[in-house]
Amino acid sequence: MAVDDGRPDLPLKPADTPQADRLHRFAHDLRNRLAGMQEVMRMLPADDPAQDEELRGFFEGQFFHALRTVEGLLDDLQVERGTGPLEPTTCPVGDLVEQAVSDQRYRFERKGQPLTVQVPSDLSVLGDRDHAIRLLQALLSNASKFSPQGAAVQVYAARQGDRVHITVADQGVGLSPDDLDQVFVRYAVLGSRSTDGEAQGRSTLARASQWAVAMGGTLTAASSGTGKGASFTLSLPAA
């Protein structure tokens, strides 16, 4: 059965530059307003925990459906959401991981999650340092959010041919096959939930995938299913 998502049936023309700029500003403003509503919803007191959880789940579903509709319109009109300027350079993988871990360590300490890092000292990649660090920060943040208290997270890297693979693996809530298909879609409504009430942006991994591609790499996800953890692997050209 077809689902009416409110989007037009006819193909749309690409937006011209002024239209694209206006749509981009509109989408940014709308996302900020919806995110503010989401934060207020999270702060409401819970009189009935079961009912509160159901209400929050409903609100979250509507929240991400609204954002997904906005993204769909931007896609139809071919509005670019760029990565910003890139400055490719030789980046030691150990340095990238060390900086990303340092920036995200508070998350793991707060939840008592052991974090182990295994990165050979001789590995380097060709990429933009700032974007690569931000990408790894996103993967680490995601691993912590979707893992319970005390669950271990691993970061490891290896070279295969002309590529270097950097993996962040967790023992968290995992991804269903449907979630796995949608995990890099902006504002997709996924079945997985953060384990300690952390806010879920649902666009971070999509941006991370975009950054990986812009650097000549890929970002892939793997999971054996719900409750069985997940791993995300960034592949970049070896330097």
Protein backbone atom coordinates (compact mmCIF):
# COMPACT_ATOMS: atom_id res chain seq x y z
CA MET A 1 0.00 0.00 0.00
CA ALA A 2 1.39 3.39 -0.95
CA VAL A 3 2.08 5.84 1.83
CA ASP A 4 1.28 9.51 1.35
CA ASP A 5 4.26 11.38 2.76
CA GLY A 6 2.97 14.78 1.69
CA ARG A 7 5.59 15.23 -1.02
CA PRO A 8 4.58 16.13 -4.60
CA ASP A 9 4.21 13.41 -7.21
CA LEU A 10 5.66 15.50 -10.03
CA PRO A 11 9.46 15.89 -10.34
CA LEU A 12 10.66 19.24 -9.07
CA LYS A 13 13.17 21.52 -10.74
CA PRO A 14 16.46 22.25 -8.98
CA ALA A 15 16.31 25.39 -6.87
CA ASP A 16 18.28 28.34 -8.17
CA THR A 17 20.95 29.87 -5.91
CA PRO A 18 18.73 32.43 -4.10
CA GLN A 19 16.02 29.80 -3.59
CA ALA A 20 18.54 27.25 -2.36
CA ASP A 21 20.01 29.73 0.13
CA ARG A 22 16.55 30.65 1.43
CA LEU A 23 15.49 27.00 1.72
CA HIS A 24 18.72 26.14 3.49
CA ARG A 25 18.15 28.94 6.05
CA PHE A 26 14.51 27.92 6.47
CA ALA A 27 15.44 24.27 7.06
CA HIS A 28 18.14 25.27 9.55
CA ASP A 29 15.71 27.49 11.48
CA LEU A 30 13.00 24.83 11.50
CA ARG A 31 15.41 22.17 12.70
CA ASN A 32 16.55 24.43 15.55
CA ARG A 33 12.97 25.12 16.62
CA LEU A 34 12.04 21.45 16.53
CA ALA A 35 15.19 20.56 18.45
CA GLY A 36 14.17 23.09 21.13
CA MET A 37 10.78 21.39 21.38
CA GLN A 38 12.50 18.02 21.67
CA GLU A 39 14.67 19.27 24.53
CA VAL A 40 11.65 20.68 26.40
CA MET A 41 9.85 17.36 25.95
CA ARG A 42 12.80 15.50 27.45
CA MET A 43 12.77 17.78 30.51
CA LEU A 44 9.09 17.33 31.37
CA PRO A 45 8.55 15.52 34.70
CA ALA A 46 7.32 11.94 34.50
CA ASP A 47 4.20 11.30 36.63
CA ASP A 48 3.60 7.91 35.02
CA PRO A 49 6.88 6.42 33.68
CA ALA A 50 5.14 4.00 31.30
CA GLN A 51 2.84 6.64 29.88
CA ASP A 52 5.69 9.12 29.76
CA GLU A 53 7.84 6.71 27.74
CA GLU A 54 4.99 6.13 25.29
CA LEU A 55 4.42 9.88 24.92
CA ARG A 56 8.10 10.60 24.40
CA GLY A 57 8.31 7.84 21.81
CA PHE A 58 5.35 9.27 19.91
CA PHE A 59 6.79 12.78 20.03
CA GLU A 60 10.19 11.56 18.88
CA GLY A 61 8.62 9.73 15.94
CA GLN A 62 6.72 12.83 14.85
CA PHE A 63 9.84 14.97 15.38
CA PHE A 64 11.99 12.88 13.07
CA HIS A 65 9.21 12.44 10.52
CA ALA A 66 8.95 16.24 10.28
CA LEU A 67 12.69 16.63 9.84
CA ARG A 68 12.77 13.83 7.27
CA THR A 69 10.05 15.59 5.27
CA VAL A 70 12.14 18.77 5.22
CA GLU A 71 15.19 16.82 4.09
CA GLY A 72 13.13 15.12 1.38
CA LEU A 73 12.08 18.50 0.00
CA LEU A 74 15.69 19.71 -0.03
CA ASP A 75 16.70 16.51 -1.82
CA ASP A 76 13.95 16.94 -4.43
CA LEU A 77 15.05 20.51 -5.08
CA GLN A 78 18.70 19.44 -5.18
CA VAL A 79 19.74 21.87 -2.46
CA GLU A 80 23.37 21.21 -1.61
CA ARG A 81 24.34 20.61 2.02
CA GLY A 82 28.09 20.82 1.63
CA THR A 83 30.96 19.66 3.78
CA GLY A 84 32.72 23.02 3.89
CA PRO A 85 36.26 23.53 2.61
CA LEU A 86 38.57 20.51 2.78
CA GLU A 87 42.34 20.60 3.15
CA PRO A 88 43.69 17.13 2.33
CA THR A 89 46.93 16.29 4.09
CA THR A 90 48.80 13.31 5.49
CA CYS A 91 47.27 12.48 8.89
CA PRO A 92 48.74 9.92 11.31
CA VAL A 93 45.81 7.74 12.36
CA GLY A 94 47.05 7.53 15.93
CA ASP A 95 46.91 11.33 16.26
CA LEU A 96 43.39 11.49 14.80
CA VAL A 97 42.09 8.82 17.15
CA GLU A 98 43.89 10.28 20.17
CA GLN A 99 42.32 13.70 19.62
CA ALA A 100 38.84 12.28 19.02
CA VAL A 101 39.05 10.07 22.11
CA SER A 102 40.29 12.95 24.24
CA ASP A 103 37.31 15.08 23.19
CA GLN A 104 34.77 12.31 23.89
CA ARG A 105 36.32 10.62 26.92
CA TYR A 106 33.92 12.34 29.34
CA ARG A 107 31.04 10.35 27.82
CA PHE A 108 32.72 7.03 28.54
CA GLU A 109 33.78 8.06 32.02
CA ARG A 110 30.25 9.22 32.89
CA LYS A 111 28.79 5.85 31.90
CA GLY A 112 31.72 3.74 33.16
CA GLN A 113 32.36 2.35 29.69
CA PRO A 114 35.85 0.88 29.14
CA LEU A 115 37.43 2.23 25.94
CA THR A 116 40.31 0.37 24.31
CA VAL A 117 42.36 1.66 21.37
CA GLN A 118 44.52 -0.49 19.08
CA VAL A 119 46.07 1.59 16.31
CA PRO A 120 49.47 0.75 14.76
CA SER A 121 51.85 3.68 15.04
CA ASP A 122 52.87 3.60 11.37
CA LEU A 123 49.39 4.14 9.87
CA SER A 124 48.60 7.39 8.07
CA VAL A 125 45.72 8.46 5.84
CA LEU A 126 45.17 11.17 3.26
CA GLY A 127 42.30 13.35 4.42
CA ASP A 128 41.19 16.58 6.02
CA ARG A 129 42.34 16.53 9.64
CA ASP A 130 39.45 18.51 11.13
CA HIS A 131 36.75 16.58 9.28
CA ALA A 132 38.39 13.24 10.09
CA ILE A 133 38.51 14.08 13.81
CA ARG A 134 34.90 15.28 13.79
CA LEU A 135 33.89 12.08 12.03
CA LEU A 136 35.62 9.90 14.62
CA GLN A 137 34.10 11.99 17.41
CA ALA A 138 30.67 11.28 15.92
CA LEU A 139 31.34 7.54 15.88
CA LEU A 140 32.59 7.55 19.47
CA SER A 141 29.65 9.63 20.66
CA ASN A 142 27.25 7.27 18.90
CA ALA A 143 28.89 4.20 20.44
CA SER A 144 28.59 5.65 23.95
CA LYS A 145 25.01 6.85 23.54
CA PHE A 146 23.73 3.51 22.31
CA SER A 147 25.66 1.35 24.79
CA PRO A 148 24.59 0.69 28.38
CA GLN A 149 26.51 1.57 31.51
CA GLY A 150 29.76 -0.39 31.75
CA ALA A 151 29.70 -1.73 28.17
CA ALA A 152 33.07 -1.81 26.44
CA VAL A 153 33.87 0.10 23.23
CA GLN A 154 36.82 -0.67 20.97
CA VAL A 155 38.67 1.42 18.41
CA TYR A 156 41.05 -0.38 16.08
CA ALA A 157 42.67 0.24 12.71
CA ALA A 158 44.44 -1.73 10.00
CA ARG A 159 45.71 -1.22 6.47
CA GLN A 160 44.35 -3.29 3.60
CA GLY A 161 45.97 -2.53 0.26
CA ASP A 162 45.75 1.18 -0.46
CA ARG A 163 43.11 1.81 2.22
CA VAL A 164 43.16 2.23 5.98
CA HIS A 165 40.13 1.01 7.92
CA ILE A 166 39.33 2.60 11.30
CA THR A 167 36.57 0.81 13.24
CA VAL A 168 34.58 1.82 16.31
CA ALA A 169 32.80 -1.23 17.73
CA ASP A 170 30.37 -1.35 20.65
CA GLN A 171 28.32 -3.87 22.64
CA GLY A 172 25.21 -1.73 22.66
CA VAL A 173 21.63 -1.88 21.44
CA GLY A 174 22.60 -2.88 17.91
CA LEU A 175 20.73 -2.27 14.69
CA SER A 176 17.88 -4.21 13.13
CA PRO A 177 18.13 -4.95 9.39
CA ASP A 178 15.68 -2.10 8.72
CA ASP A 179 17.67 0.31 10.91
CA LEU A 180 20.89 -0.76 9.23
CA ASP A 181 19.45 0.22 5.84
CA GLN A 182 18.51 3.68 7.16
CA VAL A 183 21.33 4.52 9.56
CA PHE A 184 22.99 7.01 7.19
CA VAL A 185 19.71 8.66 6.12
CA ARG A 186 19.19 12.11 7.63
CA TYR A 187 16.51 12.08 10.34
CA ALA A 188 15.38 8.53 9.60
CA VAL A 189 13.06 7.12 12.25
CA LEU A 190 15.03 4.20 13.71
CA GLY A 191 13.98 1.64 16.27
CA SER A 192 17.15 2.01 18.37
CA ARG A 193 17.10 4.33 21.39
CA SER A 194 19.92 5.82 23.43
CA THR A 195 20.48 3.99 26.71
CA ASP A 196 20.63 6.89 29.17
CA GLY A 197 18.19 9.41 27.73
CA GLU A 198 20.82 11.14 25.59
CA ALA A 199 19.50 13.41 22.86
CA GLN A 200 19.40 11.85 19.40
CA GLY A 201 20.12 14.13 16.47
CA ARG A 202 19.63 11.46 13.78
CA SER A 203 21.63 13.48 11.27
CA THR A 204 25.17 13.13 12.64
CA LEU A 205 25.94 9.81 10.97
CA ALA A 206 24.56 11.07 7.66
CA ARG A 207 26.91 14.05 7.83
CA ALA A 208 29.77 11.76 8.84
CA SER A 209 29.14 9.60 5.78
CA GLN A 210 29.14 12.72 3.61
CA TRP A 211 32.47 13.79 5.10
CA ALA A 212 33.96 10.35 4.44
CA VAL A 213 32.93 10.45 0.77
CA ALA A 214 34.26 14.01 0.40
CA MET A 215 37.66 12.76 1.59
CA GLY A 216 37.66 9.95 -0.95
CA GLY A 217 36.56 7.34 1.57
CA THR A 218 33.53 5.46 2.81
CA LEU A 219 31.69 4.94 6.08
CA THR A 220 29.94 1.61 6.61
CA ALA A 221 27.90 0.08 9.42
CA ALA A 222 27.50 -3.52 10.55
CA SER A 223 25.40 -5.22 13.22
CA SER A 224 24.24 -8.75 13.93
CA GLY A 225 20.87 -7.40 15.03
CA THR A 226 19.03 -5.74 17.88
CA GLY A 227 20.87 -6.09 21.19
CA LYS A 228 24.03 -7.39 19.55
CA GLY A 229 26.10 -4.23 19.24
CA ALA A 230 27.26 -2.40 16.15
CA SER A 231 30.44 -1.36 14.41
CA PHE A 232 31.18 1.57 12.12
CA THR A 233 34.19 1.51 9.83
CA LEU A 234 35.78 4.55 8.22
CA SER A 235 37.87 3.70 5.18
CA LEU A 236 40.27 6.35 3.86
CA PRO A 237 43.10 6.35 1.30
CA ALA A 238 46.40 5.32 2.87
CA ALA A 239 49.14 7.96 2.80
